[in-house]
Amino acid sequence: METKVDTSVTINGIKYVPESQGCLYTGSGDIKIVVLQRGHVLVGILEKEGSQCRLHNASVIRKWGTSKGLGEIAQDGPKSGTKLDKCNGTVEFDYLTVIFAITCKEASWKRVL
């Protein structure tokens, strides 16, 4: 008989689980495509506290793979030509480095993040 132990930790109402169990962040937040200064384009679950931002379950969008720009993958999710590079965790940045952000349709991205 195997006993399962919950090894997650909740900090400030956000539940974190060990990397070996998959998703590192299970809290709530909007899935956003964030364009940062110097051309960095990322996607993940955005958490903002003051000017400090965290993008959980983040990936760099190396290649959009669209014919209609970032709005297309925000709505429809990644295409066959979209190239995502997982960041293996959380990306942190200051809000002042954000050029713009697009709210993604959650159902289209949930399977990827």
C-alpha atoms as a PDB file:
ATOM      1  CA  MET A   1       0.000   0.000   0.000  1.00  0.00           C
ATOM      2  CA  GLU A   2       1.437   3.355  -1.066  1.00  0.00           C
ATOM      3  CA  THR A   3       0.776   6.480   0.951  1.00  0.00           C
ATOM      4  CA  LYS A   4       0.691   9.789  -0.931  1.00  0.00           C
ATOM      5  CA  VAL A   5       1.997  12.858   0.852  1.00  0.00           C
ATOM      6  CA  ASP A   6       1.065  16.388  -0.214  1.00  0.00           C
ATOM      7  CA  THR A   7       4.421  18.160  -0.598  1.00  0.00           C
ATOM      8  CA  SER A   8       2.989  21.437  -1.862  1.00  0.00           C
ATOM      9  CA  VAL A   9       3.513  24.713  -0.037  1.00  0.00           C
ATOM     10  CA  THR A  10       1.101  27.660   0.092  1.00  0.00           C
ATOM     11  CA  ILE A  11       2.635  31.120   0.448  1.00  0.00           C
ATOM     12  CA  ASN A  12       0.423  34.222   0.511  1.00  0.00           C
ATOM     13  CA  GLY A  13      -2.478  32.203  -0.863  1.00  0.00           C
ATOM     14  CA  ILE A  14      -0.455  30.820  -3.811  1.00  0.00           C
ATOM     15  CA  LYS A  15       0.091  27.078  -3.972  1.00  0.00           C
ATOM     16  CA  TYR A  16       3.504  25.844  -5.177  1.00  0.00           C
ATOM     17  CA  VAL A  17       4.296  22.195  -5.895  1.00  0.00           C
ATOM     18  CA  PRO A  18       7.650  20.432  -6.402  1.00  0.00           C
ATOM     19  CA  GLU A  19       9.068  20.584  -9.922  1.00  0.00           C
ATOM     20  CA  SER A  20       9.009  16.781 -10.081  1.00  0.00           C
ATOM     21  CA  GLN A  21       5.203  16.944  -9.893  1.00  0.00           C
ATOM     22  CA  GLY A  22       4.961  19.099 -13.022  1.00  0.00           C
ATOM     23  CA  CYS A  23       3.629  22.621 -12.843  1.00  0.00           C
ATOM     24  CA  LEU A  24       5.554  24.839 -10.412  1.00  0.00           C
ATOM     25  CA  TYR A  25       2.785  27.388  -9.908  1.00  0.00           C
ATOM     26  CA  THR A  26      -0.858  26.561  -9.424  1.00  0.00           C
ATOM     27  CA  GLY A  27      -2.169  29.948  -8.339  1.00  0.00           C
ATOM     28  CA  SER A  28      -4.604  32.032 -10.287  1.00  0.00           C
ATOM     29  CA  GLY A  29      -3.756  34.710 -12.798  1.00  0.00           C
ATOM     30  CA  ASP A  30      -4.261  35.630 -16.398  1.00  0.00           C
ATOM     31  CA  ILE A  31      -2.248  33.927 -19.089  1.00  0.00           C
ATOM     32  CA  LYS A  32      -0.426  36.735 -20.879  1.00  0.00           C
ATOM     33  CA  ILE A  33       1.905  37.222 -23.774  1.00  0.00           C
ATOM     34  CA  VAL A  34       4.343  39.859 -22.529  1.00  0.00           C
ATOM     35  CA  VAL A  35       6.628  41.861 -24.794  1.00  0.00           C
ATOM     36  CA  LEU A  36       9.598  43.223 -22.877  1.00  0.00           C
ATOM     37  CA  GLN A  37      12.266  45.725 -23.825  1.00  0.00           C
ATOM     38  CA  ARG A  38      14.928  44.563 -26.268  1.00  0.00           C
ATOM     39  CA  GLY A  39      12.474  42.302 -28.100  1.00  0.00           C
ATOM     40  CA  HIS A  40      11.927  39.547 -25.549  1.00  0.00           C
ATOM     41  CA  VAL A  41       8.505  37.912 -26.011  1.00  0.00           C
ATOM     42  CA  LEU A  42       7.262  35.527 -23.308  1.00  0.00           C
ATOM     43  CA  VAL A  43       4.055  33.749 -22.358  1.00  0.00           C
ATOM     44  CA  GLY A  44       2.945  32.516 -18.943  1.00  0.00           C
ATOM     45  CA  ILE A  45       0.710  33.155 -15.947  1.00  0.00           C
ATOM     46  CA  LEU A  46       1.285  36.759 -14.884  1.00  0.00           C
ATOM     47  CA  GLU A  47       1.489  37.750 -11.238  1.00  0.00           C
ATOM     48  CA  LYS A  48       2.070  41.438 -10.435  1.00  0.00           C
ATOM     49  CA  GLU A  49       2.887  42.819  -7.001  1.00  0.00           C
ATOM     50  CA  GLY A  50       3.692  46.519  -7.077  1.00  0.00           C
ATOM     51  CA  SER A  51       6.181  46.966  -9.911  1.00  0.00           C
ATOM     52  CA  GLN A  52       7.549  43.414  -9.515  1.00  0.00           C
ATOM     53  CA  CYS A  53       6.198  40.958 -12.083  1.00  0.00           C
ATOM     54  CA  ARG A  54       6.497  37.196 -12.187  1.00  0.00           C
ATOM     55  CA  LEU A  55       5.618  35.066 -15.170  1.00  0.00           C
ATOM     56  CA  HIS A  56       4.965  31.527 -13.935  1.00  0.00           C
ATOM     57  CA  ASN A  57       5.291  28.458 -16.166  1.00  0.00           C
ATOM     58  CA  ALA A  58       6.947  30.820 -18.629  1.00  0.00           C
ATOM     59  CA  SER A  59       8.179  30.175 -22.142  1.00  0.00           C
ATOM     60  CA  VAL A  60      10.015  32.417 -24.564  1.00  0.00           C
ATOM     61  CA  ILE A  61       8.133  32.668 -27.855  1.00  0.00           C
ATOM     62  CA  ARG A  62      11.066  32.269 -30.228  1.00  0.00           C
ATOM     63  CA  LYS A  63       8.964  31.994 -33.382  1.00  0.00           C
ATOM     64  CA  TRP A  64       5.352  33.134 -33.608  1.00  0.00           C
ATOM     65  CA  GLY A  65       4.356  30.894 -36.528  1.00  0.00           C
ATOM     66  CA  THR A  66       1.404  33.128 -37.388  1.00  0.00           C
ATOM     67  CA  SER A  67       0.111  35.098 -40.346  1.00  0.00           C
ATOM     68  CA  LYS A  68      -1.791  37.601 -38.169  1.00  0.00           C
ATOM     69  CA  GLY A  69       0.728  38.380 -35.410  1.00  0.00           C
ATOM     70  CA  LEU A  70       0.727  37.769 -31.669  1.00  0.00           C
ATOM     71  CA  GLY A  71      -3.003  38.392 -31.328  1.00  0.00           C
ATOM     72  CA  GLU A  72      -3.617  35.233 -33.353  1.00  0.00           C
ATOM     73  CA  ILE A  73      -1.770  32.953 -30.937  1.00  0.00           C
ATOM     74  CA  ALA A  74      -3.163  34.839 -27.928  1.00  0.00           C
ATOM     75  CA  GLN A  75      -6.645  33.849 -29.092  1.00  0.00           C
ATOM     76  CA  ASP A  76      -6.016  30.459 -30.718  1.00  0.00           C
ATOM     77  CA  GLY A  77      -2.969  29.189 -28.827  1.00  0.00           C
ATOM     78  CA  PRO A  78       0.314  28.100 -30.399  1.00  0.00           C
ATOM     79  CA  LYS A  79       0.281  27.106 -34.066  1.00  0.00           C
ATOM     80  CA  SER A  80       2.251  24.304 -35.695  1.00  0.00           C
ATOM     81  CA  GLY A  81       4.957  26.832 -36.608  1.00  0.00           C
ATOM     82  CA  THR A  82       5.132  28.384 -33.131  1.00  0.00           C
ATOM     83  CA  LYS A  83       8.389  27.681 -31.276  1.00  0.00           C
ATOM     84  CA  LEU A  84       8.308  27.898 -27.465  1.00  0.00           C
ATOM     85  CA  ASP A  85      11.396  27.614 -25.273  1.00  0.00           C
ATOM     86  CA  LYS A  86      10.429  26.599 -21.711  1.00  0.00           C
ATOM     87  CA  CYS A  87      12.049  28.667 -18.982  1.00  0.00           C
ATOM     88  CA  ASN A  88      11.635  25.881 -16.369  1.00  0.00           C
ATOM     89  CA  GLY A  89      10.044  28.038 -13.744  1.00  0.00           C
ATOM     90  CA  THR A  90       9.412  31.671 -13.033  1.00  0.00           C
ATOM     91  CA  VAL A  91      10.702  34.692 -14.926  1.00  0.00           C
ATOM     92  CA  GLU A  92      10.908  37.902 -12.903  1.00  0.00           C
ATOM     93  CA  PHE A  93      11.025  41.431 -14.327  1.00  0.00           C
ATOM     94  CA  ASP A  94      10.103  45.000 -13.429  1.00  0.00           C
ATOM     95  CA  TYR A  95       6.845  46.354 -14.839  1.00  0.00           C
ATOM     96  CA  LEU A  96       8.744  49.288 -16.378  1.00  0.00           C
ATOM     97  CA  THR A  97      10.359  46.862 -18.857  1.00  0.00           C
ATOM     98  CA  VAL A  98       6.960  45.855 -20.312  1.00  0.00           C
ATOM     99  CA  ILE A  99       6.208  47.294 -23.765  1.00  0.00           C
ATOM    100  CA  PHE A 100       2.759  45.657 -23.915  1.00  0.00           C
ATOM    101  CA  ALA A 101       0.885  42.553 -22.806  1.00  0.00           C
ATOM    102  CA  ILE A 102      -1.902  40.568 -24.446  1.00  0.00           C
ATOM    103  CA  THR A 103      -4.387  38.534 -22.411  1.00  0.00           C
ATOM    104  CA  CYS A 104      -4.607  35.029 -23.852  1.00  0.00           C
ATOM    105  CA  LYS A 105      -7.645  32.811 -24.152  1.00  0.00           C
ATOM    106  CA  GLU A 106      -7.016  30.433 -21.262  1.00  0.00           C
ATOM    107  CA  ALA A 107      -8.494  27.337 -22.918  1.00  0.00           C
ATOM    108  CA  SER A 108      -6.130  27.743 -25.881  1.00  0.00           C
ATOM    109  CA  TRP A 109      -2.982  27.857 -23.703  1.00  0.00           C
ATOM    110  CA  LYS A 110      -3.820  25.671 -20.695  1.00  0.00           C
ATOM    111  CA  ARG A 111      -2.554  22.487 -22.385  1.00  0.00           C
ATOM    112  CA  VAL A 112       0.821  24.101 -23.154  1.00  0.00           C
ATOM    113  CA  LEU A 113       1.466  25.832 -19.833  1.00  0.00           C
END
